[in-house]
Amino acid sequence: MQLMQEALARAHMHERLHHAVAERRAMRLAVAQRMQRRAERASLRARRALAMAVMQ
C-alpha cells in the first residue's frame, strides 16, 4: 500500500513538473511573439521615417 501511495505521489509530482515546464514554454513563446511584433512596428516606423526623409 505504501509503495502505491509513493508511486502515486511521484506520478503527481512528475505531472506538476511537466505542467510547469509547458507553462514556462508557453510564456516564453508569448514574450517572443510580443517582442517580434514590437520589432516589426519599429521597423515599419523606421522605413516610414526614411521614406519621409528621402522625399524632402
C-alpha atoms as a PDB file:
ATOM      1  CA  MET A   1       0.000   0.000   0.000  1.00  0.00           C
ATOM      2  CA  GLN A   2       2.832   2.363   0.911  1.00  0.00           C
ATOM      3  CA  LEU A   3       4.518   1.726  -2.466  1.00  0.00           C
ATOM      4  CA  MET A   4       1.307   2.549  -4.302  1.00  0.00           C
ATOM      5  CA  GLN A   5       0.999   5.866  -2.451  1.00  0.00           C
ATOM      6  CA  GLU A   6       4.640   6.695  -3.216  1.00  0.00           C
ATOM      7  CA  ALA A   7       4.157   5.855  -6.884  1.00  0.00           C
ATOM      8  CA  LEU A   8       1.030   7.999  -6.976  1.00  0.00           C
ATOM      9  CA  ALA A   9       2.844  10.910  -5.293  1.00  0.00           C
ATOM     10  CA  ARG A  10       5.773  10.535  -7.708  1.00  0.00           C
ATOM     11  CA  ALA A  11       3.415  10.500 -10.705  1.00  0.00           C
ATOM     12  CA  HIS A  12       1.635  13.577  -9.366  1.00  0.00           C
ATOM     13  CA  MET A  13       4.936  15.451  -8.894  1.00  0.00           C
ATOM     14  CA  HIS A  14       6.043  14.457 -12.379  1.00  0.00           C
ATOM     15  CA  GLU A  15       2.752  15.739 -13.806  1.00  0.00           C
ATOM     16  CA  ARG A  16       3.088  19.054 -11.948  1.00  0.00           C
ATOM     17  CA  LEU A  17       6.675  19.460 -13.131  1.00  0.00           C
ATOM     18  CA  HIS A  18       5.633  18.698 -16.702  1.00  0.00           C
ATOM     19  CA  HIS A  19       2.818  21.258 -16.427  1.00  0.00           C
ATOM     20  CA  ALA A  20       5.219  23.912 -15.066  1.00  0.00           C
ATOM     21  CA  VAL A  21       7.670  23.303 -17.924  1.00  0.00           C
ATOM     22  CA  ALA A  22       4.873  23.562 -20.508  1.00  0.00           C
ATOM     23  CA  GLU A  23       3.619  26.771 -18.881  1.00  0.00           C
ATOM     24  CA  ARG A  24       7.114  28.311 -18.942  1.00  0.00           C
ATOM     25  CA  ARG A  25       7.493  27.348 -22.605  1.00  0.00           C
ATOM     26  CA  ALA A  26       4.139  28.998 -23.445  1.00  0.00           C
ATOM     27  CA  MET A  27       5.174  32.130 -21.530  1.00  0.00           C
ATOM     28  CA  ARG A  28       8.484  32.332 -23.425  1.00  0.00           C
ATOM     29  CA  LEU A  29       6.626  31.937 -26.730  1.00  0.00           C
ATOM     30  CA  ALA A  30       4.184  34.733 -25.832  1.00  0.00           C
ATOM     31  CA  VAL A  31       7.070  37.044 -24.868  1.00  0.00           C
ATOM     32  CA  ALA A  32       8.937  36.216 -28.090  1.00  0.00           C
ATOM     33  CA  GLN A  33       5.840  36.940 -30.183  1.00  0.00           C
ATOM     34  CA  ARG A  34       5.313  40.266 -28.386  1.00  0.00           C
ATOM     35  CA  MET A  35       8.949  41.238 -28.986  1.00  0.00           C
ATOM     36  CA  GLN A  36       8.665  40.254 -32.648  1.00  0.00           C
ATOM     37  CA  ARG A  37       5.565  42.429 -33.133  1.00  0.00           C
ATOM     38  CA  ARG A  38       7.324  45.332 -31.407  1.00  0.00           C
ATOM     39  CA  ALA A  39      10.354  44.902 -33.685  1.00  0.00           C
ATOM     40  CA  GLU A  40       8.129  44.775 -36.775  1.00  0.00           C
ATOM     41  CA  ARG A  41       6.381  48.009 -35.744  1.00  0.00           C
ATOM     42  CA  ALA A  42       9.739  49.699 -35.086  1.00  0.00           C
ATOM     43  CA  SER A  43      10.962  48.540 -38.496  1.00  0.00           C
ATOM     44  CA  LEU A  44       7.865  49.986 -40.173  1.00  0.00           C
ATOM     45  CA  ARG A  45       8.326  53.313 -38.363  1.00  0.00           C
ATOM     46  CA  ALA A  46      11.987  53.452 -39.388  1.00  0.00           C
ATOM     47  CA  ARG A  47      11.135  52.656 -43.000  1.00  0.00           C
ATOM     48  CA  ARG A  48       8.428  55.337 -42.995  1.00  0.00           C
ATOM     49  CA  ALA A  49      10.812  57.894 -41.457  1.00  0.00           C
ATOM     50  CA  LEU A  50      13.438  57.051 -44.078  1.00  0.00           C
ATOM     51  CA  ALA A  51      10.891  57.438 -46.873  1.00  0.00           C
ATOM     52  CA  MET A  52       9.854  60.837 -45.486  1.00  0.00           C
ATOM     53  CA  ALA A  53      13.494  61.954 -45.259  1.00  0.00           C
ATOM     54  CA  VAL A  54      14.154  60.881 -48.857  1.00  0.00           C
ATOM     55  CA  MET A  55      11.034  62.680 -50.108  1.00  0.00           C
ATOM     56  CA  GLN A  56      12.161  66.068 -48.748  1.00  0.00           C
END
